[in-house]
N, C-alpha and C. Protein backbone atom coordinates (compact mmCIF):
# COMPACT_ATOMS: atom_id res chain seq x y z
N MET A 1 -4.11 17.70 -30.12
CA MET A 1 -3.40 17.04 -29.03
C MET A 1 -3.63 15.52 -29.15
N SER A 2 -2.57 14.79 -29.27
CA SER A 2 -2.70 13.34 -29.39
C SER A 2 -2.68 12.69 -28.01
N ILE A 3 -3.15 11.48 -27.95
CA ILE A 3 -3.22 10.76 -26.68
C ILE A 3 -1.82 10.41 -26.18
N LYS A 4 -0.87 10.18 -27.06
CA LYS A 4 0.47 9.80 -26.65
C LYS A 4 1.15 10.89 -25.85
N ASN A 5 0.87 12.14 -26.12
CA ASN A 5 1.53 13.25 -25.44
C ASN A 5 0.68 13.83 -24.32
N SER A 6 -0.41 13.21 -23.98
CA SER A 6 -1.31 13.71 -22.96
C SER A 6 -0.63 13.64 -21.58
N PRO A 7 -0.73 14.70 -20.78
CA PRO A 7 -0.16 14.66 -19.43
C PRO A 7 -0.78 13.58 -18.57
N LEU A 8 -2.05 13.28 -18.80
CA LEU A 8 -2.71 12.23 -18.03
C LEU A 8 -2.07 10.87 -18.31
N VAL A 9 -1.80 10.58 -19.56
CA VAL A 9 -1.18 9.31 -19.93
C VAL A 9 0.24 9.22 -19.37
N LYS A 10 0.96 10.34 -19.43
CA LYS A 10 2.32 10.36 -18.87
C LYS A 10 2.28 10.12 -17.36
N GLY A 11 1.34 10.74 -16.68
CA GLY A 11 1.22 10.56 -15.24
C GLY A 11 0.87 9.14 -14.86
N ILE A 12 -0.06 8.55 -15.60
CA ILE A 12 -0.46 7.17 -15.32
C ILE A 12 0.70 6.21 -15.57
N SER A 13 1.41 6.41 -16.67
CA SER A 13 2.53 5.50 -16.97
C SER A 13 3.66 5.67 -15.97
N THR A 14 3.91 6.89 -15.52
CA THR A 14 4.94 7.12 -14.50
C THR A 14 4.54 6.45 -13.19
N GLY A 15 3.28 6.59 -12.81
CA GLY A 15 2.80 5.96 -11.58
C GLY A 15 2.90 4.45 -11.63
N ILE A 16 2.55 3.87 -12.76
CA ILE A 16 2.65 2.42 -12.91
C ILE A 16 4.10 1.96 -12.82
N THR A 17 4.98 2.70 -13.45
CA THR A 17 6.41 2.35 -13.44
C THR A 17 6.98 2.38 -12.03
N PHE A 18 6.74 3.48 -11.32
CA PHE A 18 7.28 3.59 -9.96
C PHE A 18 6.60 2.62 -9.00
N GLY A 19 5.33 2.37 -9.19
CA GLY A 19 4.63 1.41 -8.35
C GLY A 19 5.18 0.00 -8.52
N THR A 20 5.45 -0.37 -9.75
CA THR A 20 6.02 -1.69 -10.02
C THR A 20 7.41 -1.82 -9.43
N ALA A 21 8.22 -0.78 -9.58
CA ALA A 21 9.57 -0.81 -9.02
C ALA A 21 9.53 -0.92 -7.50
N ALA A 22 8.64 -0.19 -6.86
CA ALA A 22 8.53 -0.25 -5.40
C ALA A 22 8.08 -1.63 -4.95
N PHE A 23 7.14 -2.23 -5.68
CA PHE A 23 6.66 -3.56 -5.33
C PHE A 23 7.78 -4.59 -5.43
N VAL A 24 8.56 -4.52 -6.50
CA VAL A 24 9.65 -5.48 -6.69
C VAL A 24 10.69 -5.34 -5.58
N LEU A 25 11.04 -4.11 -5.24
CA LEU A 25 12.05 -3.90 -4.19
C LEU A 25 11.56 -4.40 -2.84
N THR A 26 10.32 -4.10 -2.48
CA THR A 26 9.82 -4.53 -1.17
C THR A 26 9.65 -6.03 -1.10
N SER A 27 9.26 -6.67 -2.19
CA SER A 27 9.12 -8.12 -2.15
C SER A 27 10.47 -8.80 -2.00
N LYS A 28 11.51 -8.26 -2.64
CA LYS A 28 12.85 -8.83 -2.47
C LYS A 28 13.35 -8.64 -1.05
N MET A 29 13.06 -7.50 -0.45
CA MET A 29 13.51 -7.24 0.91
C MET A 29 12.83 -8.20 1.88
N ASN A 30 11.55 -8.48 1.69
CA ASN A 30 10.84 -9.40 2.57
C ASN A 30 11.39 -10.81 2.47
N LYS A 31 11.75 -11.25 1.28
CA LYS A 31 12.33 -12.58 1.11
C LYS A 31 13.67 -12.67 1.82
N GLY A 32 14.46 -11.61 1.75
CA GLY A 32 15.75 -11.59 2.43
C GLY A 32 15.59 -11.65 3.93
N LYS A 33 14.59 -10.97 4.46
CA LYS A 33 14.34 -10.99 5.91
C LYS A 33 13.93 -12.38 6.36
N LYS A 34 13.11 -13.05 5.56
CA LYS A 34 12.67 -14.39 5.93
C LYS A 34 13.85 -15.35 5.96
N LYS A 35 14.74 -15.24 4.99
CA LYS A 35 15.92 -16.11 4.95
C LYS A 35 16.82 -15.84 6.15
N LEU A 36 16.97 -14.57 6.51
CA LEU A 36 17.81 -14.21 7.64
C LEU A 36 17.23 -14.74 8.94
N LYS A 37 15.91 -14.60 9.11
CA LYS A 37 15.27 -15.11 10.32
C LYS A 37 15.40 -16.62 10.41
N SER A 38 15.26 -17.30 9.30
CA SER A 38 15.36 -18.75 9.28
C SER A 38 16.77 -19.19 9.64
N ALA A 39 17.76 -18.53 9.08
CA ALA A 39 19.16 -18.88 9.37
C ALA A 39 19.49 -18.60 10.83
N ALA A 40 18.99 -17.49 11.36
CA ALA A 40 19.24 -17.16 12.76
C ALA A 40 18.58 -18.19 13.67
N GLY A 41 17.40 -18.63 13.33
CA GLY A 41 16.71 -19.64 14.13
C GLY A 41 17.46 -20.95 14.16
N ARG A 42 17.96 -21.37 13.01
CA ARG A 42 18.74 -22.61 12.95
C ARG A 42 20.03 -22.49 13.76
N ALA A 43 20.66 -21.33 13.70
CA ALA A 43 21.90 -21.12 14.44
C ALA A 43 21.64 -21.19 15.95
N LEU A 44 20.56 -20.59 16.39
CA LEU A 44 20.22 -20.63 17.82
C LEU A 44 19.89 -22.05 18.27
N GLU A 45 19.20 -22.81 17.43
CA GLU A 45 18.87 -24.18 17.78
C GLU A 45 20.13 -25.03 17.92
N SER A 46 21.06 -24.87 17.00
CA SER A 46 22.29 -25.66 17.07
C SER A 46 23.14 -25.24 18.26
N LEU A 47 23.13 -23.97 18.60
CA LEU A 47 23.86 -23.50 19.78
C LEU A 47 23.24 -24.08 21.05
N ALA A 48 21.94 -24.12 21.11
CA ALA A 48 21.26 -24.69 22.28
C ALA A 48 21.58 -26.17 22.42
N GLU A 49 21.60 -26.89 21.32
CA GLU A 49 21.93 -28.32 21.35
C GLU A 49 23.36 -28.52 21.83
N MET A 50 24.28 -27.68 21.37
CA MET A 50 25.67 -27.80 21.78
C MET A 50 25.82 -27.55 23.28
N VAL A 51 25.14 -26.54 23.79
CA VAL A 51 25.21 -26.24 25.22
C VAL A 51 24.60 -27.38 26.02
N ASP A 52 23.51 -27.97 25.56
CA ASP A 52 22.91 -29.12 26.25
C ASP A 52 23.87 -30.29 26.30
N GLU A 53 24.55 -30.57 25.20
CA GLU A 53 25.50 -31.68 25.17
C GLU A 53 26.66 -31.44 26.12
N ILE A 54 27.15 -30.21 26.19
CA ILE A 54 28.27 -29.89 27.08
C ILE A 54 27.84 -30.06 28.54
N THR A 55 26.65 -29.57 28.87
CA THR A 55 26.19 -29.69 30.27
C THR A 55 25.94 -31.14 30.62
N ASP A 56 25.47 -31.96 29.68
CA ASP A 56 25.27 -33.38 29.95
C ASP A 56 26.61 -34.07 30.21
N LYS A 57 27.65 -33.71 29.50
CA LYS A 57 28.97 -34.33 29.68
C LYS A 57 29.62 -33.88 30.98
N LEU A 58 29.29 -32.69 31.44
CA LEU A 58 29.88 -32.20 32.69
C LEU A 58 29.23 -32.82 33.93
N ARG A 59 28.07 -33.40 33.78
CA ARG A 59 27.37 -34.00 34.93
C ARG A 59 27.94 -35.32 35.30
């Protein structure tokens, strides 16, 4: 029985492969969430500024 065909080696390599894939996917998802939160925050700030300007002009 050679080491290349060992079930232990196959299991370890499969675990490393799936673990790496899961890490890459979750890290990309977290970056996307941060960008979305940042964009939403900027949109809310600009909306608040616009409402403030409108109320100031109405006074």
